[in-house]
C-alpha atoms as a PDB file:
ATOM      1  CA  UNK A   1      -9.368  21.052 -13.038  1.00  0.00           C
ATOM      2  CA  UNK A   2      -8.465  21.285  -9.318  1.00  0.00           C
ATOM      3  CA  UNK A   3      -6.940  24.647  -9.221  1.00  0.00           C
ATOM      4  CA  UNK A   4     -10.413  26.203 -10.619  1.00  0.00           C
ATOM      5  CA  UNK A   5     -12.474  23.859  -8.424  1.00  0.00           C
ATOM      6  CA  UNK A   6     -10.462  25.032  -5.593  1.00  0.00           C
ATOM      7  CA  UNK A   7     -11.092  28.636  -6.765  1.00  0.00           C
ATOM      8  CA  UNK A   8     -14.885  28.358  -6.927  1.00  0.00           C
ATOM      9  CA  UNK A   9     -15.090  26.628  -3.670  1.00  0.00           C
ATOM     10  CA  UNK A  10     -13.527  29.782  -1.803  1.00  0.00           C
ATOM     11  CA  UNK A  11     -15.672  32.056  -3.699  1.00  0.00           C
ATOM     12  CA  UNK A  12     -18.954  30.114  -2.956  1.00  0.00           C
ATOM     13  CA  UNK A  13     -17.908  29.858   0.739  1.00  0.00           C
ATOM     14  CA  UNK A  14     -17.348  33.634   0.718  1.00  0.00           C
ATOM     15  CA  UNK A  15     -20.596  34.258  -1.104  1.00  0.00           C
ATOM     16  CA  UNK A  16     -22.752  31.852   1.404  1.00  0.00           C
ATOM     17  CA  UNK A  17     -20.760  33.786   4.356  1.00  0.00           C
ATOM     18  CA  UNK A  18     -21.863  37.109   3.110  1.00  0.00           C
ATOM     19  CA  UNK A  19     -25.552  35.944   2.626  1.00  0.00           C
ATOM     20  CA  UNK A  20     -25.442  34.501   6.183  1.00  0.00           C
ATOM     21  CA  UNK A  21     -24.556  37.564   7.608  1.00  0.00           C
ATOM     22  CA  UNK A  22     -27.168  39.547   5.655  1.00  0.00           C
ATOM     23  CA  UNK A  23     -30.139  37.198   6.161  1.00  0.00           C
ATOM     24  CA  UNK A  24     -28.663  37.230   9.967  1.00  0.00           C
ATOM     25  CA  UNK A  25     -29.142  41.080  10.368  1.00  0.00           C
ATOM     26  CA  UNK A  26     -32.705  41.315   8.808  1.00  0.00           C
ATOM     27  CA  UNK A  27     -35.449  41.229  11.716  1.00  0.00           C
ATOM     28  CA  UNK A  28     -36.084  38.070  13.004  1.00  0.00           C
ATOM     29  CA  UNK A  29     -39.724  38.956  14.427  1.00  0.00           C
ATOM     30  CA  UNK A  30     -40.862  39.503  10.877  1.00  0.00           C
ATOM     31  CA  UNK A  31     -39.875  35.996   9.292  1.00  0.00           C
ATOM     32  CA  UNK A  32     -41.498  33.428  11.551  1.00  0.00           C
ATOM     33  CA  UNK A  33     -42.935  30.501  10.072  1.00  0.00           C
ATOM     34  CA  UNK A  34     -45.017  27.742  12.487  1.00  0.00           C
ATOM     35  CA  UNK A  35     -43.307  29.392  15.234  1.00  0.00           C
ATOM     36  CA  UNK A  36     -39.688  28.979  14.251  1.00  0.00           C
ATOM     37  CA  UNK A  37     -37.248  32.011  13.349  1.00  0.00           C
ATOM     38  CA  UNK A  38     -36.735  31.520   9.237  1.00  0.00           C
ATOM     39  CA  UNK A  39     -33.957  34.305   9.182  1.00  0.00           C
ATOM     40  CA  UNK A  40     -32.119  32.106  12.103  1.00  0.00           C
ATOM     41  CA  UNK A  41     -32.875  28.995  10.254  1.00  0.00           C
ATOM     42  CA  UNK A  42     -31.618  30.126   6.768  1.00  0.00           C
ATOM     43  CA  UNK A  43     -28.775  32.251   8.253  1.00  0.00           C
ATOM     44  CA  UNK A  44     -27.610  28.495   9.915  1.00  0.00           C
ATOM     45  CA  UNK A  45     -27.905  26.782   6.555  1.00  0.00           C
ATOM     46  CA  UNK A  46     -26.259  29.710   4.728  1.00  0.00           C
ATOM     47  CA  UNK A  47     -23.027  29.523   7.249  1.00  0.00           C
ATOM     48  CA  UNK A  48     -23.233  25.517   7.266  1.00  0.00           C
ATOM     49  CA  UNK A  49     -22.591  25.697   3.075  1.00  0.00           C
ATOM     50  CA  UNK A  50     -19.936  28.281   3.439  1.00  0.00           C
ATOM     51  CA  UNK A  51     -18.078  26.068   6.074  1.00  0.00           C
ATOM     52  CA  UNK A  52     -18.568  23.059   3.776  1.00  0.00           C
ATOM     53  CA  UNK A  53     -17.042  24.703   0.632  1.00  0.00           C
ATOM     54  CA  UNK A  54     -14.354  26.457   3.015  1.00  0.00           C
ATOM     55  CA  UNK A  55     -12.975  23.152   4.169  1.00  0.00           C
ATOM     56  CA  UNK A  56     -12.953  21.641   0.720  1.00  0.00           C
ATOM     57  CA  UNK A  57     -11.289  24.571  -1.168  1.00  0.00           C
ATOM     58  CA  UNK A  58      -8.735  24.353   1.945  1.00  0.00           C
ATOM     59  CA  UNK A  59      -8.412  20.549   1.082  1.00  0.00           C
ATOM     60  CA  UNK A  60      -7.827  20.876  -2.649  1.00  0.00           C
ATOM     61  CA  UNK A  61      -5.404  23.518  -1.696  1.00  0.00           C
ATOM     62  CA  UNK A  62      -3.734  21.540   0.616  1.00  0.00           C
ATOM     63  CA  UNK A  63      -3.298  18.570  -1.845  1.00  0.00           C
ATOM     64  CA  UNK A  64      -1.777  20.560  -4.353  1.00  0.00           C
ATOM     65  CA  UNK A  65       0.731  21.787  -2.223  1.00  0.00           C
ATOM     66  CA  UNK A  66       0.972  18.224  -1.158  1.00  0.00           C
ATOM     67  CA  UNK A  67       1.846  17.366  -5.090  1.00  0.00           C
ATOM     68  CA  UNK A  68       4.589  19.851  -5.624  1.00  0.00           C
ATOM     69  CA  UNK A  69       6.318  19.496  -2.210  1.00  0.00           C
ATOM     70  CA  UNK A  70       6.330  15.682  -1.805  1.00  0.00           C
ATOM     71  CA  UNK A  71       7.235  13.400  -5.214  1.00  0.00           C
ATOM     72  CA  UNK A  72       7.050  10.195  -3.757  1.00  0.00           C
ATOM     73  CA  UNK A  73       3.829   9.088  -4.494  1.00  0.00           C
ATOM     74  CA  UNK A  74       3.410   6.810  -1.402  1.00  0.00           C
ATOM     75  CA  UNK A  75       4.030   9.934   0.860  1.00  0.00           C
ATOM     76  CA  UNK A  76       1.412  12.124  -1.120  1.00  0.00           C
ATOM     77  CA  UNK A  77      -1.416   9.172  -0.722  1.00  0.00           C
ATOM     78  CA  UNK A  78      -0.627   8.799   2.793  1.00  0.00           C
ATOM     79  CA  UNK A  79      -0.508  12.663   3.643  1.00  0.00           C
ATOM     80  CA  UNK A  80      -3.804  12.965   1.595  1.00  0.00           C
ATOM     81  CA  UNK A  81      -5.573  10.743   3.737  1.00  0.00           C
ATOM     82  CA  UNK A  82      -4.596  12.600   6.852  1.00  0.00           C
ATOM     83  CA  UNK A  83      -5.551  15.815   5.578  1.00  0.00           C
ATOM     84  CA  UNK A  84      -8.953  14.599   4.194  1.00  0.00           C
ATOM     85  CA  UNK A  85      -9.651  13.296   7.689  1.00  0.00           C
ATOM     86  CA  UNK A  86      -8.621  16.292   9.493  1.00  0.00           C
ATOM     87  CA  UNK A  87     -11.078  18.773   7.135  1.00  0.00           C
ATOM     88  CA  UNK A  88     -13.865  16.049   7.289  1.00  0.00           C
ATOM     89  CA  UNK A  89     -13.682  16.279  11.062  1.00  0.00           C
ATOM     90  CA  UNK A  90     -13.111  20.191  10.880  1.00  0.00           C
ATOM     91  CA  UNK A  91     -16.460  20.397   8.689  1.00  0.00           C
ATOM     92  CA  UNK A  92     -18.406  18.159  10.726  1.00  0.00           C
ATOM     93  CA  UNK A  93     -17.754  19.914  13.980  1.00  0.00           C
ATOM     94  CA  UNK A  94     -18.319  23.430  12.706  1.00  0.00           C
ATOM     95  CA  UNK A  95     -21.426  22.769  10.531  1.00  0.00           C
ATOM     96  CA  UNK A  96     -22.846  21.131  14.039  1.00  0.00           C
ATOM     97  CA  UNK A  97     -21.395  23.841  16.200  1.00  0.00           C
ATOM     98  CA  UNK A  98     -23.307  26.031  13.941  1.00  0.00           C
ATOM     99  CA  UNK A  99     -26.291  24.780  14.016  1.00  0.00           C
ATOM    100  CA  UNK A 100     -26.618  23.950  17.675  1.00  0.00           C
ATOM    101  CA  UNK A 101     -24.807  27.040  18.594  1.00  0.00           C
ATOM    102  CA  UNK A 102     -23.232  25.135  21.640  1.00  0.00           C
ATOM    103  CA  UNK A 103     -19.538  24.124  21.191  1.00  0.00           C
ATOM    104  CA  UNK A 104     -19.219  22.468  24.527  1.00  0.00           C
ATOM    105  CA  UNK A 105     -22.242  20.716  24.531  1.00  0.00           C
ATOM    106  CA  UNK A 106     -21.736  19.471  21.124  1.00  0.00           C
ATOM    107  CA  UNK A 107     -18.254  17.867  21.928  1.00  0.00           C
ATOM    108  CA  UNK A 108     -19.877  16.366  25.152  1.00  0.00           C
ATOM    109  CA  UNK A 109     -22.472  14.867  23.030  1.00  0.00           C
ATOM    110  CA  UNK A 110     -19.912  13.591  20.468  1.00  0.00           C
ATOM    111  CA  UNK A 111     -18.378  11.841  23.148  1.00  0.00           C
ATOM    112  CA  UNK A 112     -21.748   9.889  24.375  1.00  0.00           C
ATOM    113  CA  UNK A 113     -22.687   9.373  20.636  1.00  0.00           C
ATOM    114  CA  UNK A 114     -19.099   8.218  19.871  1.00  0.00           C
ATOM    115  CA  UNK A 115     -19.104   5.635  23.011  1.00  0.00           C
ATOM    116  CA  UNK A 116     -22.872   4.465  21.462  1.00  0.00           C
ATOM    117  CA  UNK A 117     -21.392   3.999  18.217  1.00  0.00           C
ATOM    118  CA  UNK A 118     -18.565   1.839  19.395  1.00  0.00           C
ATOM    119  CA  UNK A 119     -20.820  -0.480  19.900  1.00  0.00           C
ATOM    120  CA  UNK A 120     -23.169  -0.418  17.112  1.00  0.00           C
ATOM    121  CA  UNK A 121     -20.269  -0.040  14.445  1.00  0.00           C
ATOM    122  CA  UNK A 122     -17.439  -2.184  15.742  1.00  0.00           C
ATOM    123  CA  UNK A 123     -16.214  -3.319  12.184  1.00  0.00           C
ATOM    124  CA  UNK A 124     -15.840  -0.152  10.764  1.00  0.00           C
ATOM    125  CA  UNK A 125     -13.888   0.998  13.911  1.00  0.00           C
ATOM    126  CA  UNK A 126     -11.754  -1.731  13.971  1.00  0.00           C
ATOM    127  CA  UNK A 127     -11.067  -0.854  10.505  1.00  0.00           C
ATOM    128  CA  UNK A 128     -10.138   3.097  11.292  1.00  0.00           C
ATOM    129  CA  UNK A 129      -8.033   1.497  13.786  1.00  0.00           C
ATOM    130  CA  UNK A 130      -6.394  -0.529  11.387  1.00  0.00           C
ATOM    131  CA  UNK A 131      -6.046   2.480   8.939  1.00  0.00           C
ATOM    132  CA  UNK A 132      -4.193   4.276  11.804  1.00  0.00           C
ATOM    133  CA  UNK A 133      -1.896   1.372  12.589  1.00  0.00           C
ATOM    134  CA  UNK A 134      -1.033   1.116   8.792  1.00  0.00           C
ATOM    135  CA  UNK A 135      -0.041   4.864   8.825  1.00  0.00           C
ATOM    136  CA  UNK A 136       1.976   4.751  12.057  1.00  0.00           C
ATOM    137  CA  UNK A 137       3.665   1.283  11.897  1.00  0.00           C
ATOM    138  CA  UNK A 138       3.724   1.013   8.250  1.00  0.00           C
ATOM    139  CA  UNK A 139       3.445  -2.680   7.577  1.00  0.00           C
ATOM    140  CA  UNK A 140       3.052  -1.980   4.170  1.00  0.00           C
ATOM    141  CA  UNK A 141       2.016   1.063   2.212  1.00  0.00           C
ATOM    142  CA  UNK A 142       0.891   1.926  -1.763  1.00  0.00           C
ATOM    143  CA  UNK A 143       3.067   0.029  -4.007  1.00  0.00           C
ATOM    144  CA  UNK A 144       4.254  -2.612  -2.073  1.00  0.00           C
ATOM    145  CA  UNK A 145       3.372  -6.088  -2.819  1.00  0.00           C
ATOM    146  CA  UNK A 146       1.581  -7.902   0.177  1.00  0.00           C
ATOM    147  CA  UNK A 147      -0.221 -11.038   1.012  1.00  0.00           C
ATOM    148  CA  UNK A 148      -2.607 -10.714   3.436  1.00  0.00           C
ATOM    149  CA  UNK A 149      -5.294 -13.705   4.497  1.00  0.00           C
ATOM    150  CA  UNK A 150      -4.475 -15.528   1.380  1.00  0.00           C
ATOM    151  CA  UNK A 151      -5.056 -12.998  -0.795  1.00  0.00           C
ATOM    152  CA  UNK A 152      -1.941 -11.288  -2.608  1.00  0.00           C
ATOM    153  CA  UNK A 153      -1.199  -8.439  -4.769  1.00  0.00           C
ATOM    154  CA  UNK A 154      -0.096  -4.815  -5.300  1.00  0.00           C
ATOM    155  CA  UNK A 155      -1.522  -2.047  -2.910  1.00  0.00           C
ATOM    156  CA  UNK A 156      -2.867   0.522  -5.078  1.00  0.00           C
ATOM    157  CA  UNK A 157      -4.775   2.485  -2.086  1.00  0.00           C
ATOM    158  CA  UNK A 158      -5.195   2.453   1.584  1.00  0.00           C
ATOM    159  CA  UNK A 159      -8.221   4.464   2.792  1.00  0.00           C
ATOM    160  CA  UNK A 160      -9.732   5.089   6.051  1.00  0.00           C
ATOM    161  CA  UNK A 161     -11.383   1.760   6.024  1.00  0.00           C
ATOM    162  CA  UNK A 162     -10.262  -0.461   3.168  1.00  0.00           C
ATOM    163  CA  UNK A 163      -6.983  -1.541   1.456  1.00  0.00           C
ATOM    164  CA  UNK A 164      -7.321  -2.027  -2.206  1.00  0.00           C
ATOM    165  CA  UNK A 165      -5.157  -4.690  -3.917  1.00  0.00           C
ATOM    166  CA  UNK A 166      -4.715  -5.582  -7.532  1.00  0.00           C
ATOM    167  CA  UNK A 167      -4.341  -9.290  -7.514  1.00  0.00           C
ATOM    168  CA  UNK A 168      -1.668 -11.347  -8.661  1.00  0.00           C
ATOM    169  CA  UNK A 169      -1.926 -15.055  -8.815  1.00  0.00           C
ATOM    170  CA  UNK A 170      -5.359 -15.951  -7.444  1.00  0.00           C
ATOM    171  CA  UNK A 171      -7.634 -18.360  -9.503  1.00  0.00           C
ATOM    172  CA  UNK A 172      -7.098 -17.083 -12.873  1.00  0.00           C
ATOM    173  CA  UNK A 173      -2.886 -17.199 -13.623  1.00  0.00           C
ATOM    174  CA  UNK A 174       0.348 -18.173 -12.149  1.00  0.00           C
ATOM    175  CA  UNK A 175       3.727 -17.475 -12.029  1.00  0.00           C
ATOM    176  CA  UNK A 176       3.404 -13.979  -9.565  1.00  0.00           C
ATOM    177  CA  UNK A 177       1.532 -12.491 -12.842  1.00  0.00           C
ATOM    178  CA  UNK A 178      -1.430 -10.095 -12.509  1.00  0.00           C
ATOM    179  CA  UNK A 179      -5.087 -11.858 -12.915  1.00  0.00           C
ATOM    180  CA  UNK A 180      -6.975  -8.216 -13.475  1.00  0.00           C
ATOM    181  CA  UNK A 181      -9.177  -8.350 -10.547  1.00  0.00           C
ATOM    182  CA  UNK A 182      -9.201  -5.959  -7.844  1.00  0.00           C
ATOM    183  CA  UNK A 183      -9.234  -6.987  -3.975  1.00  0.00           C
ATOM    184  CA  UNK A 184     -10.783  -5.284  -1.295  1.00  0.00           C
ATOM    185  CA  UNK A 185      -9.669  -5.859   2.448  1.00  0.00           C
ATOM    186  CA  UNK A 186     -10.709  -4.114   5.698  1.00  0.00           C
ATOM    187  CA  UNK A 187      -7.935  -2.411   7.299  1.00  0.00           C
ATOM    188  CA  UNK A 188      -8.921  -4.360  10.499  1.00  0.00           C
ATOM    189  CA  UNK A 189      -7.319  -7.387   9.077  1.00  0.00           C
ATOM    190  CA  UNK A 190      -3.933  -5.806   9.947  1.00  0.00           C
ATOM    191  CA  UNK A 191      -4.650  -6.211  13.799  1.00  0.00           C
ATOM    192  CA  UNK A 192      -5.469  -9.809  13.775  1.00  0.00           C
ATOM    193  CA  UNK A 193      -3.541 -11.314  10.284  1.00  0.00           C
ATOM    194  CA  UNK A 194       0.118 -12.158   9.271  1.00  0.00           C
ATOM    195  CA  UNK A 195       1.174  -9.260   6.641  1.00  0.00           C
ATOM    196  CA  UNK A 196       3.984 -10.497   3.996  1.00  0.00           C
ATOM    197  CA  UNK A 197       5.303  -7.719   2.469  1.00  0.00           C
ATOM    198  CA  UNK A 198       7.606  -8.605  -0.421  1.00  0.00           C
ATOM    199  CA  UNK A 199       8.604  -5.267  -1.397  1.00  0.00           C
ATOM    200  CA  UNK A 200       8.873  -3.065   1.854  1.00  0.00           C
ATOM    201  CA  UNK A 201      10.657   0.067   1.587  1.00  0.00           C
ATOM    202  CA  UNK A 202      13.737  -0.566   3.480  1.00  0.00           C
ATOM    203  CA  UNK A 203      14.650  -3.668   1.245  1.00  0.00           C
ATOM    204  CA  UNK A 204      12.360  -4.116  -1.854  1.00  0.00           C
ATOM    205  CA  UNK A 205      13.978  -7.552  -2.922  1.00  0.00           C
ATOM    206  CA  UNK A 206      13.407 -11.044  -2.055  1.00  0.00           C
ATOM    207  CA  UNK A 207      15.460 -14.563  -2.576  1.00  0.00           C
ATOM    208  CA  UNK A 208      14.372 -16.536  -5.301  1.00  0.00           C
ATOM    209  CA  UNK A 209      15.530 -20.403  -6.205  1.00  0.00           C
ATOM    210  CA  UNK A 210      15.844 -21.946  -9.694  1.00  0.00           C
ATOM    211  CA  UNK A 211      15.762 -25.800  -9.892  1.00  0.00           C
ATOM    212  CA  UNK A 212      18.158 -27.757 -12.189  1.00  0.00           C
ATOM    213  CA  UNK A 213      17.715 -31.617 -12.273  1.00  0.00           C
ATOM    214  CA  UNK A 214      20.683 -33.217 -13.458  1.00  0.00           C
ATOM    215  CA  UNK A 215      22.068 -36.986 -13.635  1.00  0.00           C
ATOM    216  CA  UNK A 216      24.270 -38.732 -11.304  1.00  0.00           C
ATOM    217  CA  UNK A 217      27.037 -38.825 -13.732  1.00  0.00           C
ATOM    218  CA  UNK A 218      27.242 -35.095 -14.124  1.00  0.00           C
ATOM    219  CA  UNK A 219      30.299 -33.347 -12.963  1.00  0.00           C
ATOM    220  CA  UNK A 220      28.750 -31.381  -9.829  1.00  0.00           C
ATOM    221  CA  UNK A 221      31.455 -29.364  -9.205  1.00  0.00           C
ATOM    222  CA  UNK A 222      31.472 -27.870 -12.669  1.00  0.00           C
ATOM    223  CA  UNK A 223      27.954 -27.624 -12.711  1.00  0.00           C
ATOM    224  CA  UNK A 224      27.974 -25.793  -9.902  1.00  0.00           C
ATOM    225  CA  UNK A 225      30.591 -23.506 -11.076  1.00  0.00           C
ATOM    226  CA  UNK A 226      28.789 -22.931 -14.379  1.00  0.00           C
ATOM    227  CA  UNK A 227      25.471 -22.097 -12.458  1.00  0.00           C
ATOM    228  CA  UNK A 228      27.372 -19.774 -10.784  1.00  0.00           C
ATOM    229  CA  UNK A 229      29.113 -17.889 -13.239  1.00  0.00           C
ATOM    230  CA  UNK A 230      25.870 -17.913 -15.503  1.00  0.00           C
ATOM    231  CA  UNK A 231      23.806 -16.033 -12.486  1.00  0.00           C
ATOM    232  CA  UNK A 232      26.632 -13.925 -11.641  1.00  0.00           C
ATOM    233  CA  UNK A 233      26.918 -12.903 -15.329  1.00  0.00           C
ATOM    234  CA  UNK A 234      23.442 -11.622 -15.154  1.00  0.00           C
ATOM    235  CA  UNK A 235      22.768 -10.596 -11.791  1.00  0.00           C
ATOM    236  CA  UNK A 236      26.028 -10.230  -9.982  1.00  0.00           C
ATOM    237  CA  UNK A 237      26.364  -6.323  -9.893  1.00  0.00           C
ATOM    238  CA  UNK A 238      22.691  -5.562  -9.028  1.00  0.00           C
ATOM    239  CA  UNK A 239      22.469  -8.398  -6.620  1.00  0.00           C
ATOM    240  CA  UNK A 240      25.927  -7.365  -4.443  1.00  0.00           C
ATOM    241  CA  UNK A 241      24.429  -3.503  -4.325  1.00  0.00           C
ATOM    242  CA  UNK A 242      21.096  -4.921  -2.973  1.00  0.00           C
ATOM    243  CA  UNK A 243      23.261  -7.048  -0.368  1.00  0.00           C
ATOM    244  CA  UNK A 244      25.156  -4.109   0.661  1.00  0.00           C
ATOM    245  CA  UNK A 245      21.859  -2.660   1.715  1.00  0.00           C
ATOM    246  CA  UNK A 246      20.630  -5.350   3.241  1.00  0.00           C
ATOM    247  CA  UNK A 247      23.517  -5.726   5.352  1.00  0.00           C
ATOM    248  CA  UNK A 248      22.968  -2.237   6.673  1.00  0.00           C
ATOM    249  CA  UNK A 249      19.707  -3.306   7.450  1.00  0.00           C
ATOM    250  CA  UNK A 250      20.841  -6.105   9.548  1.00  0.00           C
ATOM    251  CA  UNK A 251      23.217  -4.235  11.595  1.00  0.00           C
ATOM    252  CA  UNK A 252      20.487  -2.178  13.151  1.00  0.00           C
ATOM    253  CA  UNK A 253      18.833  -5.386  14.560  1.00  0.00           C
ATOM    254  CA  UNK A 254      20.409  -8.219  17.125  1.00  0.00           C
ATOM    255  CA  UNK A 255      20.076 -10.620  14.075  1.00  0.00           C
ATOM    256  CA  UNK A 256      23.645 -12.341  13.211  1.00  0.00           C
ATOM    257  CA  UNK A 257      23.222 -13.809   9.709  1.00  0.00           C
ATOM    258  CA  UNK A 258      25.758 -14.650   6.849  1.00  0.00           C
ATOM    259  CA  UNK A 259      24.743 -13.061   3.736  1.00  0.00           C
ATOM    260  CA  UNK A 260      26.557 -13.945   0.331  1.00  0.00           C
ATOM    261  CA  UNK A 261      26.673 -10.923  -2.083  1.00  0.00           C
ATOM    262  CA  UNK A 262      26.670 -13.348  -4.994  1.00  0.00           C
ATOM    263  CA  UNK A 263      24.414 -16.390  -6.130  1.00  0.00           C
ATOM    264  CA  UNK A 264      24.665 -19.578  -4.537  1.00  0.00           C
ATOM    265  CA  UNK A 265      23.811 -23.239  -5.527  1.00  0.00           C
ATOM    266  CA  UNK A 266      22.364 -25.730  -2.945  1.00  0.00           C
ATOM    267  CA  UNK A 267      22.603 -29.669  -3.895  1.00  0.00           C
ATOM    268  CA  UNK A 268      20.019 -31.900  -3.147  1.00  0.00           C
ATOM    269  CA  UNK A 269      19.622 -35.345  -4.203  1.00  0.00           C
ATOM    270  CA  UNK A 270      16.626 -37.057  -5.348  1.00  0.00           C
ATOM    271  CA  UNK A 271      15.725 -40.739  -6.122  1.00  0.00           C
ATOM    272  CA  UNK A 272      16.686 -40.955  -9.392  1.00  0.00           C
ATOM    273  CA  UNK A 273      18.557 -37.515 -10.032  1.00  0.00           C
ATOM    274  CA  UNK A 274      20.555 -34.249  -8.264  1.00  0.00           C
ATOM    275  CA  UNK A 275      18.745 -31.543  -7.919  1.00  0.00           C
ATOM    276  CA  UNK A 276      20.586 -28.234  -8.153  1.00  0.00           C
ATOM    277  CA  UNK A 277      19.256 -24.969  -6.690  1.00  0.00           C
ATOM    278  CA  UNK A 278      20.431 -21.468  -7.866  1.00  0.00           C
ATOM    279  CA  UNK A 279      19.936 -19.061  -4.959  1.00  0.00           C
ATOM    280  CA  UNK A 280      19.732 -15.368  -5.978  1.00  0.00           C
ATOM    281  CA  UNK A 281      18.194 -11.704  -5.178  1.00  0.00           C
ATOM    282  CA  UNK A 282      15.618  -9.955  -7.373  1.00  0.00           C
ATOM    283  CA  UNK A 283      13.095  -7.801  -7.223  1.00  0.00           C
ATOM    284  CA  UNK A 284       9.387  -9.491  -6.390  1.00  0.00           C
ATOM    285  CA  UNK A 285       7.854  -7.840  -9.628  1.00  0.00           C
ATOM    286  CA  UNK A 286      10.612  -9.238 -11.806  1.00  0.00           C
ATOM    287  CA  UNK A 287      11.012 -12.741 -10.551  1.00  0.00           C
ATOM    288  CA  UNK A 288       9.183 -14.768 -13.408  1.00  0.00           C
ATOM    289  CA  UNK A 289      11.136 -12.550 -15.890  1.00  0.00           C
ATOM    290  CA  UNK A 290      14.331 -13.103 -14.335  1.00  0.00           C
ATOM    291  CA  UNK A 291      13.349 -16.698 -13.559  1.00  0.00           C
ATOM    292  CA  UNK A 292      12.615 -17.331 -17.469  1.00  0.00           C
ATOM    293  CA  UNK A 293      16.371 -15.499 -18.789  1.00  0.00           C
ATOM    294  CA  UNK A 294      18.048 -17.181 -16.345  1.00  0.00           C
ATOM    295  CA  UNK A 295      16.855 -21.120 -17.457  1.00  0.00           C
ATOM    296  CA  UNK A 296      17.537 -20.381 -20.898  1.00  0.00           C
ATOM    297  CA  UNK A 297      21.039 -19.353 -20.200  1.00  0.00           C
ATOM    298  CA  UNK A 298      21.913 -22.037 -18.073  1.00  0.00           C
ATOM    299  CA  UNK A 299      20.352 -24.676 -20.460  1.00  0.00           C
ATOM    300  CA  UNK A 300      22.536 -23.250 -23.171  1.00  0.00           C
ATOM    301  CA  UNK A 301      25.324 -23.139 -21.076  1.00  0.00           C
ATOM    302  CA  UNK A 302      24.739 -26.935 -19.984  1.00  0.00           C
ATOM    303  CA  UNK A 303      24.036 -28.128 -23.429  1.00  0.00           C
ATOM    304  CA  UNK A 304      27.697 -26.819 -24.512  1.00  0.00           C
ATOM    305  CA  UNK A 305      29.322 -29.355 -21.939  1.00  0.00           C
ATOM    306  CA  UNK A 306      27.443 -32.503 -22.771  1.00  0.00           C
ATOM    307  CA  UNK A 307      30.334 -34.541 -21.881  1.00  0.00           C
ATOM    308  CA  UNK A 308      30.121 -33.194 -18.344  1.00  0.00           C
ATOM    309  CA  UNK A 309      26.695 -32.480 -17.760  1.00  0.00           C
ATOM    310  CA  UNK A 310      24.521 -35.395 -18.211  1.00  0.00           C
ATOM    311  CA  UNK A 311      20.430 -34.863 -17.790  1.00  0.00           C
ATOM    312  CA  UNK A 312      18.204 -37.828 -16.273  1.00  0.00           C
ATOM    313  CA  UNK A 313      16.997 -40.079 -18.882  1.00  0.00           C
ATOM    314  CA  UNK A 314      13.270 -40.766 -17.040  1.00  0.00           C
ATOM    315  CA  UNK A 315      10.089 -38.753 -17.701  1.00  0.00           C
ATOM    316  CA  UNK A 316       8.824 -39.392 -13.904  1.00  0.00           C
ATOM    317  CA  UNK A 317      10.170 -36.086 -12.876  1.00  0.00           C
END
């Protein structure tokens, strides 16, 4: 659909340009209405339409080229936004210049008007600056799972003024599941708020914990070893590959951190039981699915050794 639309835009731009040239060639003195030269006004209007359709056709052609050159949809989205801004500015400046016939004066006027707009439209301006910051610093991009100012979701669009999220959790669901709602945030929030990115491009994984309570009579060394074996059988190779990537990321920073490439278990004593916390690495969008599968496997493995692994008898946990 976009290819015919782009061709039509170029044809309309050429047609309006020819009409503008024809009207401009007509004797100006013969077409005067209320003191205004009608041919000049019509010629400017046709020239403006030619510029608008030309810019739109070039934009469609450029976006089609972007789609063929960049496979990554995140890159496509960001580059299209920048290209769209360039062509909008080009069309506006060219149209106003044609109407006023004063390029230098127009640029000066735009500077004065821009100074006034800075005070009148502070929030939209801050959001536009926020968009520029997002494009340069990359705190998040399309496809990332983020949390910003109490809102959590997957980024589906980053426009000039707003960021759109598909909400997860919220008031309707839990366990990091989509709620079906859309959240719209002004881009200006990145300039004054914390941004938590759970799946940034350099390391799209997070650590997760699964807690299992056992009785004091449990053979803790055996339970810990069994937990690690179950998790390692399910996640080990994938987790080791991700940790290798994480270590490469750490090597580029001054941070010195020991990171194990296999699941680990932390033991914590509670009032009436022992809490075994399995720590492992997973993708943020697969966290609940992985947790459910691990829990099923762990309970199955624990129930096969009732003589060595005991569960608390109380129901007050």
